[in-house]
Amino acid sequence: MLRNALSSIAISLMLVVPAVAQEQQQEALAEEVLLLNGFDTLTEDQARNLAKAPEGTAEADPNLANAWSRLGARFFAPEPVFDAAAAELADLASVEELETLRDFFASGLGQRVTALEEASQTPDMDDVNQTELGHAILANDTDADRLEALQRLALAFGTPEETAAMSLNTQFVFQKALNENLGRGIPEADLLAMIITQQDDMIDRLRTESVAGKAFVYQSLSVDELNAYSELLESEAGKKMYDAVEAGMAQELHSQMRDFAAALGAAVGAENI
């Protein structure tokens, strides 16, 4: 009986160890992919922007703006967002899919794409209207093939409807938490209705701005290179990468925003005493 039991344990270990090794491989590959494609730079840019109060806050609510400027940098950390996205990607994508993504972003084209995206996210670009410059590029570019490639790439990143839904959901999570912590008795249904009123305008703006933004960021890429990047993003591996990134960002950002809203509420309450 003991021999049979030991044999069973040995078989179980043989089954478990390869599974653990594969999980570790997927985790390492997921992190490598997100480092190669510049997701770490994106999270740093995002944290920097969230640490600043939105335009118009100082005029509408000076106490809130003051509290935001004091506290913002303490709450929006890029590393947990990166880690959450990497964990989601490791769970969602197979080793083969992760290797496909790794190989693309490690290639010459992949590294050029990452360099262009990172350059567009530096603090030096905060005051640059990339959309306006992109419209100027499009106005001087009559190449129908290039315009079609840019439109394809814009959609490969997500439809305007999908992008608007993600943005509005994040806005709702933060505004709800902020209202609760500031003691504002706005019913959840009313708040949701207020935020949804922005949806159509946001979708229209995204339709106008998305292609122009891509025209500016990727202006040095050829039509063939634009299409090659779109092909990767449209693949199952590419879709899983963006699904994982969005899920990880939402999970961690929403948590950070709720914590930040609680701190803001306390700070504003203290200033109003």
Protein backbone atom coordinates (compact mmCIF):
# COMPACT_ATOMS: atom_id res chain seq x y z
CA MET A 1 0.00 0.00 0.00
CA LEU A 2 2.83 2.37 0.93
CA ARG A 3 4.53 1.70 -2.39
CA ASN A 4 1.29 2.50 -4.26
CA ALA A 5 0.86 5.70 -2.25
CA LEU A 6 4.42 6.81 -2.99
CA SER A 7 3.92 6.03 -6.68
CA SER A 8 0.80 8.20 -6.70
CA ILE A 9 2.69 11.06 -5.07
CA ALA A 10 5.49 10.73 -7.61
CA ILE A 11 3.03 10.82 -10.52
CA SER A 12 1.31 13.87 -9.01
CA LEU A 13 4.63 15.67 -8.70
CA MET A 14 5.49 14.83 -12.29
CA LEU A 15 2.22 16.42 -13.35
CA VAL A 16 2.48 19.50 -11.11
CA VAL A 17 6.11 20.47 -11.66
CA PRO A 18 5.81 20.97 -15.46
CA ALA A 19 2.65 23.03 -14.90
CA VAL A 20 4.45 25.27 -12.38
CA ALA A 21 7.42 25.61 -14.72
CA GLN A 22 5.10 26.62 -17.57
CA GLU A 23 3.38 29.21 -15.36
CA GLN A 24 6.76 30.68 -14.45
CA GLN A 25 7.73 30.76 -18.13
CA GLN A 26 4.48 32.55 -19.01
CA GLU A 27 4.99 35.09 -16.22
CA ALA A 28 8.54 35.82 -17.36
CA LEU A 29 7.45 36.11 -21.00
CA ALA A 30 4.53 38.39 -20.12
CA GLU A 31 6.83 40.77 -18.24
CA GLU A 32 9.35 40.68 -21.09
CA VAL A 33 6.63 41.51 -23.65
CA LEU A 34 5.35 44.48 -21.64
CA LEU A 35 8.86 45.82 -21.13
CA LEU A 36 9.67 45.42 -24.81
CA ASN A 37 6.49 47.19 -25.92
CA GLY A 38 6.99 50.10 -23.52
CA PHE A 39 4.03 49.44 -21.24
CA ASP A 40 6.18 50.47 -18.27
CA THR A 41 6.64 53.92 -19.84
CA LEU A 42 2.89 54.16 -20.44
CA THR A 43 2.12 53.43 -16.78
CA GLU A 44 4.64 56.08 -15.69
CA ASP A 45 3.04 58.64 -18.02
CA GLN A 46 -0.41 57.71 -16.76
CA ALA A 47 0.62 58.02 -13.10
CA ARG A 48 2.16 61.43 -13.77
CA ASN A 49 -1.04 62.68 -15.43
CA LEU A 50 -3.35 61.32 -12.73
CA ALA A 51 -1.27 62.98 -10.02
CA LYS A 52 -2.32 66.38 -11.45
CA ALA A 53 -5.84 67.70 -10.90
CA PRO A 54 -7.90 67.90 -14.12
CA GLU A 55 -8.01 71.25 -15.88
CA GLY A 56 -10.62 73.53 -14.33
CA THR A 57 -10.52 71.92 -10.88
CA ALA A 58 -8.83 74.95 -9.27
CA GLU A 59 -11.61 77.26 -10.48
CA ALA A 60 -14.45 74.89 -9.58
CA ASP A 61 -13.14 73.70 -6.20
CA PRO A 62 -9.88 75.29 -4.91
CA ASN A 63 -9.76 73.09 -1.80
CA LEU A 64 -10.03 69.94 -3.89
CA ALA A 65 -7.33 71.19 -6.27
CA ASN A 66 -4.98 71.97 -3.36
CA ALA A 67 -5.54 68.56 -1.79
CA TRP A 68 -5.02 66.87 -5.16
CA SER A 69 -1.70 68.64 -5.75
CA ARG A 70 -0.45 67.59 -2.30
CA LEU A 71 -1.59 63.98 -2.40
CA GLY A 72 -1.63 62.89 -6.05
CA ALA A 73 1.97 61.77 -6.33
CA ARG A 74 1.59 59.48 -3.29
CA PHE A 75 -1.26 57.41 -4.70
CA PHE A 76 -0.68 56.70 -8.38
CA ALA A 77 2.21 54.26 -8.58
CA PRO A 78 3.03 52.76 -12.00
CA GLU A 79 4.63 49.51 -10.79
CA PRO A 80 1.45 47.84 -9.42
CA VAL A 81 -0.37 48.62 -12.69
CA PHE A 82 2.46 46.99 -14.67
CA ASP A 83 2.46 43.94 -12.38
CA ALA A 84 -1.33 43.52 -12.61
CA ALA A 85 -1.25 43.70 -16.41
CA ALA A 86 1.64 41.22 -16.61
CA ALA A 87 -0.22 38.77 -14.35
CA GLU A 88 -3.36 39.05 -16.50
CA LEU A 89 -1.34 38.51 -19.68
CA ALA A 90 0.42 35.45 -18.24
CA ASP A 91 -2.98 33.95 -17.35
CA LEU A 92 -4.64 34.76 -20.66
CA ALA A 93 -2.02 34.00 -23.31
CA SER A 94 -0.28 30.72 -24.11
CA VAL A 95 3.49 30.35 -24.23
CA GLU A 96 3.32 30.30 -28.04
CA GLU A 97 1.26 33.51 -28.14
CA LEU A 98 3.60 35.23 -25.70
CA GLU A 99 6.59 34.17 -27.81
CA THR A 100 4.89 35.63 -30.90
CA LEU A 101 4.42 38.93 -29.10
CA ARG A 102 7.97 38.85 -27.70
CA ASP A 103 9.48 38.14 -31.11
CA PHE A 104 7.60 41.01 -32.75
CA PHE A 105 8.48 43.62 -30.13
CA ALA A 106 12.10 42.41 -30.03
CA SER A 107 12.39 42.81 -33.81
CA GLY A 108 13.66 45.91 -35.57
CA LEU A 109 10.14 47.07 -36.40
CA GLY A 110 8.86 46.29 -32.92
CA GLN A 111 11.63 48.31 -31.29
CA ARG A 112 10.97 51.23 -33.64
CA VAL A 113 7.27 51.12 -32.75
CA THR A 114 8.10 51.12 -29.04
CA ALA A 115 10.59 53.98 -29.42
CA LEU A 116 7.98 56.10 -31.24
CA GLU A 117 5.29 55.36 -28.64
CA GLU A 118 7.63 56.09 -25.72
CA ALA A 119 8.75 59.35 -27.33
CA SER A 120 5.10 60.45 -27.54
CA GLN A 121 4.63 59.81 -23.79
CA THR A 122 7.55 61.79 -22.35
CA PRO A 123 6.94 64.82 -20.08
CA ASP A 124 8.30 67.02 -22.89
CA MET A 125 5.24 66.10 -24.95
CA ASP A 126 2.70 67.16 -22.30
CA ASP A 127 2.14 70.55 -23.95
CA VAL A 128 2.32 69.26 -27.54
CA ASN A 129 -1.02 68.93 -29.33
CA GLN A 130 -0.27 65.67 -31.12
CA THR A 131 -3.77 65.47 -32.59
CA GLU A 132 -3.50 68.93 -34.17
CA LEU A 133 -0.09 68.09 -35.63
CA GLY A 134 -1.50 64.80 -36.89
CA HIS A 135 -4.34 66.61 -38.67
CA ALA A 136 -1.75 68.85 -40.35
CA ILE A 137 0.16 65.77 -41.51
CA LEU A 138 -3.03 64.21 -42.89
CA ALA A 139 -3.95 67.44 -44.68
CA ASN A 140 -0.65 67.31 -46.56
CA ASP A 141 -0.78 63.57 -47.20
CA THR A 142 -2.97 62.49 -50.10
CA ASP A 143 -1.78 58.86 -50.10
CA ALA A 144 -4.98 56.78 -49.86
CA ASP A 145 -3.01 53.63 -48.93
CA ARG A 146 -1.37 55.37 -45.99
CA LEU A 147 -4.67 56.80 -44.76
CA GLU A 148 -6.23 53.35 -44.94
CA ALA A 149 -3.30 51.86 -43.02
CA LEU A 150 -3.63 54.51 -40.29
CA GLN A 151 -7.38 53.89 -40.03
CA ARG A 152 -6.74 50.17 -39.74
CA LEU A 153 -4.17 50.74 -36.99
CA ALA A 154 -6.49 53.05 -35.07
CA LEU A 155 -9.20 50.37 -35.05
CA ALA A 156 -6.68 47.68 -34.10
CA PHE A 157 -6.09 49.57 -30.85
CA GLY A 158 -9.84 49.44 -30.14
CA THR A 159 -13.00 50.96 -31.56
CA PRO A 160 -14.05 54.44 -30.37
CA GLU A 161 -16.99 52.80 -28.59
CA GLU A 162 -14.72 50.40 -26.68
CA THR A 163 -12.25 53.14 -25.74
CA ALA A 164 -15.03 55.47 -24.58
CA ALA A 165 -16.65 52.73 -22.49
CA MET A 166 -13.37 51.99 -20.68
CA SER A 167 -12.70 55.68 -20.04
CA LEU A 168 -16.21 56.42 -18.77
CA ASN A 169 -16.19 53.35 -16.52
CA THR A 170 -12.97 54.54 -14.89
CA GLN A 171 -14.43 58.03 -14.54
CA PHE A 172 -17.55 56.61 -12.86
CA VAL A 173 -15.53 54.54 -10.37
CA PHE A 174 -13.47 57.56 -9.31
CA GLN A 175 -16.34 60.07 -9.23
CA LYS A 176 -18.54 57.71 -7.20
CA ALA A 177 -15.79 57.16 -4.63
CA LEU A 178 -14.98 60.88 -4.51
CA ASN A 179 -18.60 61.90 -3.99
CA GLU A 180 -18.99 59.35 -1.20
CA ASN A 181 -15.86 60.59 0.57
CA LEU A 182 -16.81 64.24 0.15
CA GLY A 183 -20.28 63.57 1.55
CA ARG A 184 -22.04 64.48 -1.67
CA GLY A 185 -25.39 62.71 -1.75
CA ILE A 186 -25.61 62.10 -5.49
CA PRO A 187 -27.52 58.85 -6.18
CA GLU A 188 -25.49 56.33 -8.16
CA ALA A 189 -28.08 56.23 -10.96
CA ASP A 190 -27.93 60.02 -11.33
CA LEU A 191 -24.13 60.00 -11.40
CA LEU A 192 -24.13 57.27 -14.03
CA ALA A 193 -26.62 59.21 -16.13
CA MET A 194 -24.45 62.34 -15.91
CA ILE A 195 -21.37 60.46 -17.06
CA ILE A 196 -23.17 58.66 -19.88
CA THR A 197 -24.18 62.04 -21.36
CA GLN A 198 -20.52 62.40 -22.35
CA GLN A 199 -20.51 59.16 -24.33
CA ASP A 200 -21.62 60.36 -27.76
CA ASP A 201 -19.33 63.40 -27.72
CA MET A 202 -16.41 61.27 -26.57
CA ILE A 203 -16.98 58.71 -29.33
CA ASP A 204 -17.19 61.46 -31.96
CA ARG A 205 -14.00 63.04 -30.63
CA LEU A 206 -12.18 59.71 -30.63
CA ARG A 207 -13.23 59.06 -34.22
CA THR A 208 -11.74 62.41 -35.20
CA GLU A 209 -8.64 62.31 -33.04
CA SER A 210 -7.60 58.66 -33.17
CA VAL A 211 -6.36 58.53 -36.76
CA ALA A 212 -4.73 61.96 -36.47
CA GLY A 213 -2.90 60.90 -33.32
CA LYS A 214 -1.59 57.80 -35.05
CA ALA A 215 -0.53 59.91 -38.04
CA PHE A 216 1.68 61.99 -35.75
CA VAL A 217 3.14 59.21 -33.61
CA TYR A 218 3.89 56.80 -36.48
CA GLN A 219 4.74 59.32 -39.20
CA SER A 220 8.14 57.70 -39.84
CA LEU A 221 6.69 54.22 -40.48
CA SER A 222 5.95 53.03 -44.00
CA VAL A 223 2.54 51.75 -45.12
CA ASP A 224 3.84 48.17 -44.99
CA GLU A 225 5.16 48.69 -41.45
CA LEU A 226 1.85 50.20 -40.29
CA ASN A 227 0.00 47.20 -41.71
CA ALA A 228 2.45 44.76 -40.11
CA TYR A 229 1.83 46.35 -36.70
CA SER A 230 -1.93 46.23 -37.27
CA GLU A 231 -1.68 42.57 -38.23
CA LEU A 232 -0.04 41.78 -34.90
CA LEU A 233 -2.64 43.72 -32.90
CA GLU A 234 -5.48 42.03 -34.82
CA SER A 235 -4.10 38.54 -34.13
CA GLU A 236 -5.37 36.42 -31.24
CA ALA A 237 -2.10 37.08 -29.41
CA GLY A 238 -2.45 40.83 -29.93
CA LYS A 239 -6.07 40.87 -28.80
CA LYS A 240 -5.19 38.92 -25.66
CA MET A 241 -2.38 41.37 -24.94
CA TYR A 242 -4.74 44.34 -25.02
CA ASP A 243 -7.50 42.52 -23.14
CA ALA A 244 -4.98 41.68 -20.42
CA VAL A 245 -3.56 45.19 -20.28
CA GLU A 246 -7.03 46.75 -20.01
CA ALA A 247 -8.12 44.29 -17.31
CA GLY A 248 -4.94 44.77 -15.28
CA MET A 249 -5.09 48.55 -15.59
CA ALA A 250 -8.74 48.67 -14.58
CA GLN A 251 -8.20 46.36 -11.61
CA GLU A 252 -5.25 48.27 -10.15
CA LEU A 253 -6.23 51.78 -11.21
CA HIS A 254 -9.72 51.47 -9.78
CA SER A 255 -8.21 50.36 -6.48
CA GLN A 256 -5.75 53.26 -6.45
CA MET A 257 -8.52 55.71 -7.34
CA ARG A 258 -10.75 54.56 -4.49
CA ASP A 259 -7.86 54.97 -2.03
CA PHE A 260 -7.06 58.39 -3.48
CA ALA A 261 -10.70 59.49 -3.25
CA ALA A 262 -10.76 58.55 0.44
CA ALA A 263 -7.63 60.60 1.10
CA LEU A 264 -9.00 63.55 -0.87
CA GLY A 265 -12.24 63.44 1.08
CA ALA A 266 -10.37 63.50 4.38
CA ALA A 267 -8.06 66.32 3.25
CA VAL A 268 -10.87 68.51 1.90
CA GLY A 269 -12.92 67.87 5.04
CA ALA A 270 -10.00 69.01 7.21
CA GLU A 271 -9.59 72.19 5.17
CA ASN A 272 -13.29 72.99 5.52
CA ILE A 273 -13.32 72.74 9.34
